[in-house]
Amino acid sequence: MNIARKKNYIIIEDDKGDLNSFATHLSKSHEEFEKNNVVVNLLNNGDYEVKDLLVFLEISNLHRLNKRSFVIASNPVSVETLPEDLIIAPTLREAEDIVNMEELERELGF
């Protein structure tokens, strides 16, 4: 797992290529980044379907309960079948924009 720190979020990348193991590792090590907004970068790992990305739903929900952003940067998936609680962005720039927008919403009390 590689972590890059940005101004108001961190980018976490899988370095093993196993999506299920990566999601499990994120869940187990959640304490390490629970106070940070998180972007999970899967853009270099190939194409995924919604069912593949659902392994992140539990950690996403847990992270968002703590009033922190959890965004997955992944190649486009069908948003029609995507749960509302799972935030997907097609680029790192758009993931950053989502984090910034959610931070602003929290500051304004939404």
Protein backbone atom coordinates (compact mmCIF):
# COMPACT_ATOMS: atom_id res chain seq x y z
CA MET A 1 0.00 0.00 0.00
CA ASN A 2 1.42 3.36 -1.05
CA ILE A 3 0.28 6.59 0.60
CA ALA A 4 0.81 10.10 -0.80
CA ARG A 5 -0.13 13.08 1.38
CA LYS A 6 -1.79 16.10 -0.18
CA LYS A 7 -3.01 19.35 1.37
CA ASN A 8 -6.31 18.11 2.80
CA TYR A 9 -6.41 14.41 1.83
CA ILE A 10 -4.28 11.36 1.23
CA ILE A 11 -4.09 9.12 -1.82
CA ILE A 12 -3.84 5.42 -1.11
CA GLU A 13 -2.79 3.00 -3.85
CA ASP A 14 -2.66 -0.77 -3.96
CA ASP A 15 0.79 -2.11 -4.77
CA LYS A 16 -0.17 -5.80 -4.85
CA GLY A 17 -2.90 -5.95 -7.51
CA ASP A 18 -5.42 -7.87 -5.38
CA LEU A 19 -8.52 -5.73 -4.83
CA ASN A 20 -10.06 -7.90 -2.10
CA SER A 21 -6.84 -8.07 -0.08
CA PHE A 22 -6.36 -4.33 -0.51
CA ALA A 23 -9.86 -3.56 0.79
CA THR A 24 -9.33 -5.91 3.74
CA HIS A 25 -6.00 -4.26 4.51
CA LEU A 26 -7.62 -0.81 4.41
CA SER A 27 -10.28 -1.95 6.85
CA LYS A 28 -7.73 -3.42 9.25
CA SER A 29 -5.49 -0.34 9.12
CA HIS A 30 -8.30 2.23 9.22
CA GLU A 31 -6.95 3.81 12.42
CA GLU A 32 -3.87 4.96 10.50
CA PHE A 33 -5.88 7.26 8.25
CA GLU A 34 -9.25 7.71 9.97
CA LYS A 35 -8.66 11.43 10.54
CA ASN A 36 -7.83 12.06 6.86
CA ASN A 37 -9.93 12.48 3.77
CA VAL A 38 -9.06 9.55 1.52
CA VAL A 39 -8.81 9.01 -2.21
CA VAL A 40 -8.25 5.38 -3.18
CA ASN A 41 -6.46 5.39 -6.53
CA LEU A 42 -7.35 2.38 -8.67
CA LEU A 43 -6.75 4.07 -12.01
CA ASN A 44 -3.58 2.08 -12.71
CA ASN A 45 -5.14 -1.26 -11.81
CA GLY A 46 -7.33 -1.78 -14.87
CA ASP A 47 -11.08 -1.71 -15.34
CA TYR A 48 -13.50 -2.75 -12.63
CA GLU A 49 -17.20 -3.37 -12.49
CA VAL A 50 -19.47 -2.09 -9.73
CA LYS A 51 -19.53 -5.52 -8.09
CA ASP A 52 -15.73 -5.41 -7.79
CA LEU A 53 -15.76 -2.01 -6.08
CA LEU A 54 -18.40 -3.05 -3.53
CA VAL A 55 -15.57 -4.49 -1.41
CA PHE A 56 -14.93 -0.87 -0.36
CA LEU A 57 -18.51 -0.14 0.73
CA GLU A 58 -18.04 -1.04 4.40
CA ILE A 59 -14.82 0.97 4.86
CA SER A 60 -16.35 3.86 2.92
CA ASN A 61 -19.39 3.94 5.19
CA LEU A 62 -17.24 3.73 8.32
CA HIS A 63 -14.98 6.51 7.10
CA ARG A 64 -17.86 8.78 6.12
CA LEU A 65 -19.51 8.28 9.53
CA ASN A 66 -16.42 10.00 10.94
CA LYS A 67 -17.17 13.04 8.74
CA ARG A 68 -14.32 12.34 6.35
CA SER A 69 -14.40 11.88 2.58
CA PHE A 70 -13.74 8.49 0.99
CA VAL A 71 -13.53 8.65 -2.80
CA ILE A 72 -12.44 5.93 -5.20
CA ALA A 73 -10.64 7.05 -8.35
CA SER A 74 -11.40 4.33 -10.87
CA ASN A 75 -12.06 3.91 -14.53
CA PRO A 76 -15.71 4.65 -15.32
CA VAL A 77 -18.33 2.24 -14.04
CA SER A 78 -22.09 2.12 -14.44
CA VAL A 79 -23.45 4.63 -11.95
CA GLU A 80 -26.98 3.28 -12.28
CA THR A 81 -26.11 0.27 -10.13
CA LEU A 82 -23.69 2.07 -7.83
CA PRO A 83 -24.80 2.49 -4.20
CA GLU A 84 -25.16 6.14 -3.17
CA ASP A 85 -22.69 5.60 -0.33
CA LEU A 86 -19.86 4.67 -2.68
CA ILE A 87 -18.30 7.71 -4.34
CA ILE A 88 -16.43 7.04 -7.59
CA ALA A 89 -14.49 9.59 -9.64
CA PRO A 90 -13.02 8.92 -13.10
CA THR A 91 -9.85 10.98 -12.45
CA LEU A 92 -7.70 12.02 -9.51
CA ARG A 93 -8.56 15.65 -10.23
CA GLU A 94 -12.28 14.93 -9.95
CA ALA A 95 -11.67 12.92 -6.76
CA GLU A 96 -9.85 15.94 -5.31
CA ASP A 97 -12.75 18.19 -6.34
CA ILE A 98 -15.20 15.90 -4.54
CA VAL A 99 -13.08 15.97 -1.38
CA ASN A 100 -12.91 19.77 -1.52
CA MET A 101 -16.66 20.05 -2.12
CA GLU A 102 -17.46 17.72 0.77
CA GLU A 103 -15.08 19.65 3.06
CA LEU A 104 -16.89 22.86 2.17
CA GLU A 105 -20.28 21.25 2.83
CA ARG A 106 -19.10 20.10 6.26
CA GLU A 107 -17.79 23.58 7.09
CA LEU A 108 -21.19 25.02 6.14
CA GLY A 109 -22.99 22.45 8.29
CA PHE A 110 -24.56 20.28 5.62
